[in-house]
């Protein structure tokens, strides 16, 4: 299982311009949207994927576990995850 965040407002670090001219661009500071994607895979298939606007928090993670991941798990399945900050709301989640 892995989670990632994508800032849609970030600008490119390199660009092109006609010969003899410079590129001028204003870089916004987190003014655009943020999309978070979380997913789980097994050795054979993608088990669950969820995207959401804004940042992942404990409630959104619980929804992913209950509504997306748990229905796809089989008896004896092992879920491996890292220790991100939104997981600190609970020490252990009973599957």
N, C-alpha and C. Protein backbone atom coordinates (compact mmCIF):
# COMPACT_ATOMS: atom_id res chain seq x y z
N UNK A 1 0.85 -1.16 0.00
CA UNK A 1 0.00 0.00 0.00
C UNK A 1 0.90 1.23 0.00
N UNK A 2 0.52 2.23 -0.81
CA UNK A 2 1.31 3.45 -0.91
C UNK A 2 0.40 4.64 -1.15
N UNK A 3 0.80 5.80 -0.66
CA UNK A 3 0.05 7.03 -0.82
C UNK A 3 0.98 8.09 -1.38
N UNK A 4 0.46 8.95 -2.26
CA UNK A 4 1.25 10.04 -2.82
C UNK A 4 0.37 11.26 -3.03
N UNK A 5 0.97 12.43 -2.97
CA UNK A 5 0.26 13.68 -3.21
C UNK A 5 0.83 14.39 -4.42
N UNK A 6 -0.03 15.03 -5.19
CA UNK A 6 0.37 15.72 -6.42
C UNK A 6 -0.13 17.15 -6.36
N UNK A 7 0.78 18.12 -6.49
CA UNK A 7 0.40 19.52 -6.57
C UNK A 7 0.18 19.87 -8.04
N UNK A 8 -1.01 20.31 -8.38
CA UNK A 8 -1.33 20.63 -9.76
C UNK A 8 -0.88 22.02 -10.17
N UNK A 9 -0.45 22.84 -9.21
CA UNK A 9 -0.09 24.22 -9.51
C UNK A 9 1.41 24.43 -9.74
N UNK A 10 2.21 23.41 -9.60
CA UNK A 10 3.66 23.59 -9.76
C UNK A 10 4.02 23.88 -11.21
N UNK A 11 5.03 24.68 -11.39
CA UNK A 11 5.45 25.04 -12.74
C UNK A 11 6.70 24.27 -13.13
N UNK A 12 6.99 24.29 -14.39
CA UNK A 12 8.17 23.60 -14.89
C UNK A 12 9.45 24.29 -14.42
N UNK A 13 10.51 23.51 -14.29
CA UNK A 13 11.80 24.08 -13.88
C UNK A 13 12.63 24.50 -15.08
N UNK A 14 12.29 24.01 -16.28
CA UNK A 14 13.01 24.36 -17.50
C UNK A 14 12.00 24.71 -18.59
N UNK A 15 12.39 25.61 -19.49
CA UNK A 15 11.50 25.94 -20.61
C UNK A 15 12.34 26.44 -21.77
N UNK A 16 11.67 26.68 -22.88
CA UNK A 16 12.34 27.16 -24.10
C UNK A 16 11.75 28.49 -24.50
N UNK A 17 12.57 29.30 -25.14
CA UNK A 17 12.11 30.58 -25.67
C UNK A 17 12.83 30.86 -26.98
N UNK A 18 12.31 31.76 -27.78
CA UNK A 18 13.00 32.09 -29.03
C UNK A 18 14.40 32.62 -28.75
N UNK A 19 15.30 32.43 -29.70
CA UNK A 19 16.69 32.85 -29.56
C UNK A 19 16.77 34.33 -29.20
N UNK A 20 17.55 34.63 -28.17
CA UNK A 20 17.77 36.01 -27.75
C UNK A 20 16.75 36.53 -26.75
N UNK A 21 15.81 35.71 -26.35
CA UNK A 21 14.81 36.15 -25.38
C UNK A 21 14.87 35.27 -24.13
N UNK A 22 14.30 35.74 -23.06
CA UNK A 22 14.26 34.99 -21.81
C UNK A 22 12.83 34.56 -21.50
N UNK A 23 12.74 33.49 -20.74
CA UNK A 23 11.43 33.02 -20.28
C UNK A 23 11.14 33.69 -18.95
N UNK A 24 9.94 34.24 -18.83
CA UNK A 24 9.51 34.85 -17.58
C UNK A 24 8.22 34.18 -17.15
N UNK A 25 8.20 33.67 -15.91
CA UNK A 25 7.02 32.99 -15.42
C UNK A 25 6.92 33.19 -13.92
N UNK A 26 5.71 33.39 -13.45
CA UNK A 26 5.47 33.54 -12.01
C UNK A 26 5.20 32.16 -11.44
N UNK A 27 5.91 31.84 -10.37
CA UNK A 27 5.71 30.54 -9.73
C UNK A 27 4.76 30.72 -8.54
N UNK A 28 3.60 30.08 -8.61
CA UNK A 28 2.67 30.19 -7.47
C UNK A 28 3.16 29.41 -6.26
N UNK A 29 2.71 29.81 -5.09
CA UNK A 29 3.07 29.11 -3.86
C UNK A 29 1.85 28.38 -3.34
N UNK A 30 1.67 27.13 -3.73
CA UNK A 30 0.56 26.29 -3.31
C UNK A 30 -0.80 26.95 -3.54
N UNK A 31 -0.99 27.55 -4.70
CA UNK A 31 -2.27 28.20 -4.98
C UNK A 31 -3.21 27.29 -5.76
N UNK A 32 -2.73 26.20 -6.25
CA UNK A 32 -3.57 25.30 -7.02
C UNK A 32 -4.06 24.14 -6.18
N UNK A 33 -4.72 23.23 -6.85
CA UNK A 33 -5.30 22.08 -6.16
C UNK A 33 -4.24 21.04 -5.84
N UNK A 34 -4.56 20.21 -4.87
CA UNK A 34 -3.72 19.07 -4.52
C UNK A 34 -4.58 17.81 -4.64
N UNK A 35 -4.04 16.80 -5.27
CA UNK A 35 -4.73 15.53 -5.43
C UNK A 35 -3.92 14.47 -4.70
N UNK A 36 -4.58 13.62 -3.93
CA UNK A 36 -3.93 12.53 -3.23
C UNK A 36 -4.42 11.22 -3.81
N UNK A 37 -3.50 10.31 -4.05
CA UNK A 37 -3.84 8.98 -4.55
C UNK A 37 -3.28 7.95 -3.58
N UNK A 38 -4.08 6.93 -3.27
CA UNK A 38 -3.65 5.84 -2.42
C UNK A 38 -4.07 4.54 -3.09
N UNK A 39 -3.22 3.56 -3.00
CA UNK A 39 -3.53 2.30 -3.65
C UNK A 39 -2.85 1.13 -2.98
N UNK A 40 -3.33 -0.07 -3.34
CA UNK A 40 -2.77 -1.31 -2.81
C UNK A 40 -2.69 -2.32 -3.94
N UNK A 41 -1.58 -3.03 -4.01
CA UNK A 41 -1.40 -4.04 -5.04
C UNK A 41 -1.00 -5.36 -4.40
N UNK A 42 -1.27 -6.43 -5.13
CA UNK A 42 -0.79 -7.75 -4.72
C UNK A 42 0.21 -8.20 -5.78
N UNK A 43 0.66 -9.43 -5.67
CA UNK A 43 1.59 -9.96 -6.67
C UNK A 43 0.92 -10.11 -8.04
N UNK A 44 -0.41 -10.21 -8.06
CA UNK A 44 -1.10 -10.50 -9.31
C UNK A 44 -1.97 -9.37 -9.86
N UNK A 45 -2.38 -8.44 -9.02
CA UNK A 45 -3.33 -7.43 -9.49
C UNK A 45 -3.34 -6.19 -8.60
N UNK A 46 -4.00 -5.15 -9.09
CA UNK A 46 -4.27 -3.95 -8.30
C UNK A 46 -5.49 -4.25 -7.46
N UNK A 47 -5.38 -4.12 -6.15
CA UNK A 47 -6.48 -4.44 -5.25
C UNK A 47 -7.43 -3.28 -5.03
N UNK A 48 -6.90 -2.09 -4.80
CA UNK A 48 -7.75 -0.94 -4.49
C UNK A 48 -7.01 0.35 -4.85
N UNK A 49 -7.77 1.33 -5.35
CA UNK A 49 -7.23 2.65 -5.67
C UNK A 49 -8.27 3.68 -5.27
N UNK A 50 -7.82 4.76 -4.65
CA UNK A 50 -8.72 5.86 -4.29
C UNK A 50 -7.98 7.16 -4.51
N UNK A 51 -8.65 8.12 -5.13
CA UNK A 51 -8.09 9.47 -5.27
C UNK A 51 -9.02 10.44 -4.57
N UNK A 52 -8.45 11.53 -4.10
CA UNK A 52 -9.25 12.54 -3.41
C UNK A 52 -8.59 13.89 -3.57
N UNK A 53 -9.38 14.94 -3.52
CA UNK A 53 -8.85 16.29 -3.52
C UNK A 53 -8.42 16.63 -2.10
N UNK A 54 -7.32 17.36 -1.98
CA UNK A 54 -6.76 17.76 -0.69
C UNK A 54 -5.85 16.66 -0.12
N UNK A 55 -5.46 16.81 1.11
CA UNK A 55 -4.49 15.91 1.75
C UNK A 55 -5.18 14.72 2.41
N UNK A 56 -4.45 13.63 2.55
CA UNK A 56 -4.94 12.44 3.23
C UNK A 56 -4.93 12.69 4.74
N UNK A 57 -5.97 12.26 5.42
CA UNK A 57 -6.02 12.34 6.87
C UNK A 57 -6.53 11.01 7.41
N UNK A 58 -6.67 10.92 8.71
CA UNK A 58 -7.08 9.67 9.34
C UNK A 58 -8.45 9.18 8.91
N UNK A 59 -9.40 10.11 8.75
CA UNK A 59 -10.74 9.70 8.33
C UNK A 59 -10.76 9.18 6.91
N UNK A 60 -10.06 9.86 6.02
CA UNK A 60 -10.00 9.41 4.62
C UNK A 60 -9.30 8.05 4.52
N UNK A 61 -8.27 7.86 5.34
CA UNK A 61 -7.58 6.57 5.34
C UNK A 61 -8.50 5.46 5.83
N UNK A 62 -9.31 5.74 6.85
CA UNK A 62 -10.26 4.74 7.35
C UNK A 62 -11.29 4.38 6.28
N UNK A 63 -11.74 5.37 5.51
CA UNK A 63 -12.68 5.10 4.41
C UNK A 63 -12.02 4.21 3.37
N UNK A 64 -10.76 4.49 3.03
CA UNK A 64 -10.05 3.65 2.07
C UNK A 64 -9.96 2.21 2.56
N UNK A 65 -9.60 2.02 3.82
CA UNK A 65 -9.48 0.68 4.38
C UNK A 65 -10.82 -0.05 4.37
N UNK A 66 -11.85 0.61 4.89
CA UNK A 66 -13.16 -0.04 5.04
C UNK A 66 -13.88 -0.28 3.72
N UNK A 67 -13.90 0.72 2.84
CA UNK A 67 -14.72 0.65 1.63
C UNK A 67 -13.99 0.10 0.41
N UNK A 68 -12.68 0.28 0.33
CA UNK A 68 -11.95 -0.11 -0.86
C UNK A 68 -11.06 -1.34 -0.66
N UNK A 69 -10.26 -1.33 0.43
CA UNK A 69 -9.26 -2.38 0.60
C UNK A 69 -9.82 -3.66 1.22
N UNK A 70 -10.52 -3.56 2.33
CA UNK A 70 -11.00 -4.77 3.04
C UNK A 70 -11.87 -5.68 2.17
N UNK A 71 -12.78 -5.15 1.34
CA UNK A 71 -13.57 -6.06 0.51
C UNK A 71 -12.73 -6.87 -0.49
N UNK A 72 -11.51 -6.42 -0.79
CA UNK A 72 -10.67 -7.10 -1.77
C UNK A 72 -9.68 -8.09 -1.14
N UNK A 73 -9.56 -8.08 0.19
CA UNK A 73 -8.59 -8.95 0.86
C UNK A 73 -9.15 -10.35 1.03
N UNK A 74 -8.26 -11.31 1.12
CA UNK A 74 -8.61 -12.71 1.32
C UNK A 74 -8.08 -13.16 2.67
N UNK A 75 -8.54 -14.28 3.13
CA UNK A 75 -8.10 -14.80 4.42
C UNK A 75 -6.59 -15.06 4.38
N UNK A 76 -5.88 -14.55 5.37
CA UNK A 76 -4.44 -14.72 5.45
C UNK A 76 -3.64 -13.64 4.73
N UNK A 77 -4.30 -12.66 4.13
CA UNK A 77 -3.60 -11.58 3.42
C UNK A 77 -2.83 -10.71 4.42
N UNK A 78 -1.67 -10.24 4.01
CA UNK A 78 -0.84 -9.36 4.83
C UNK A 78 -0.76 -8.00 4.14
N UNK A 79 -1.03 -6.94 4.89
CA UNK A 79 -0.97 -5.58 4.36
C UNK A 79 0.27 -4.91 4.93
N UNK A 80 1.11 -4.37 4.06
CA UNK A 80 2.34 -3.69 4.46
C UNK A 80 2.19 -2.21 4.13
N UNK A 81 2.45 -1.34 5.13
CA UNK A 81 2.36 0.10 4.92
C UNK A 81 3.46 0.81 5.69
N UNK A 82 3.76 2.03 5.27
CA UNK A 82 4.79 2.80 5.96
C UNK A 82 4.16 3.56 7.13
N UNK A 83 4.97 4.32 7.83
CA UNK A 83 4.48 5.05 9.01
C UNK A 83 4.33 6.52 8.68
N UNK A 84 3.32 6.85 7.90
CA UNK A 84 3.07 8.24 7.55
C UNK A 84 2.32 8.95 8.67
N UNK A 85 2.23 10.25 8.59
CA UNK A 85 1.65 11.03 9.69
C UNK A 85 0.16 10.79 9.88
N UNK A 86 -0.59 10.50 8.82
CA UNK A 86 -2.02 10.30 9.01
C UNK A 86 -2.32 8.97 9.69
N UNK A 87 -1.34 8.09 9.79
CA UNK A 87 -1.54 6.82 10.49
C UNK A 87 -1.37 6.97 12.00
N UNK A 88 -0.89 8.10 12.46
CA UNK A 88 -0.65 8.29 13.89
C UNK A 88 -1.93 8.42 14.70
N UNK A 89 -3.08 8.57 14.01
CA UNK A 89 -4.33 8.69 14.76
C UNK A 89 -4.72 7.38 15.42
N UNK A 90 -4.18 6.30 14.95
CA UNK A 90 -4.45 5.02 15.61
C UNK A 90 -3.19 4.16 15.59
N UNK A 91 -2.98 3.41 16.62
CA UNK A 91 -1.80 2.54 16.70
C UNK A 91 -2.01 1.29 15.89
N UNK A 92 -3.24 0.80 15.88
CA UNK A 92 -3.53 -0.46 15.20
C UNK A 92 -4.94 -0.43 14.66
N UNK A 93 -5.12 -0.88 13.43
CA UNK A 93 -6.43 -0.93 12.82
C UNK A 93 -6.78 -2.39 12.61
N UNK A 94 -7.85 -2.85 13.22
CA UNK A 94 -8.23 -4.26 13.15
C UNK A 94 -8.92 -4.56 11.83
N UNK A 95 -8.33 -5.42 11.03
CA UNK A 95 -8.94 -5.81 9.76
C UNK A 95 -9.79 -7.04 9.96
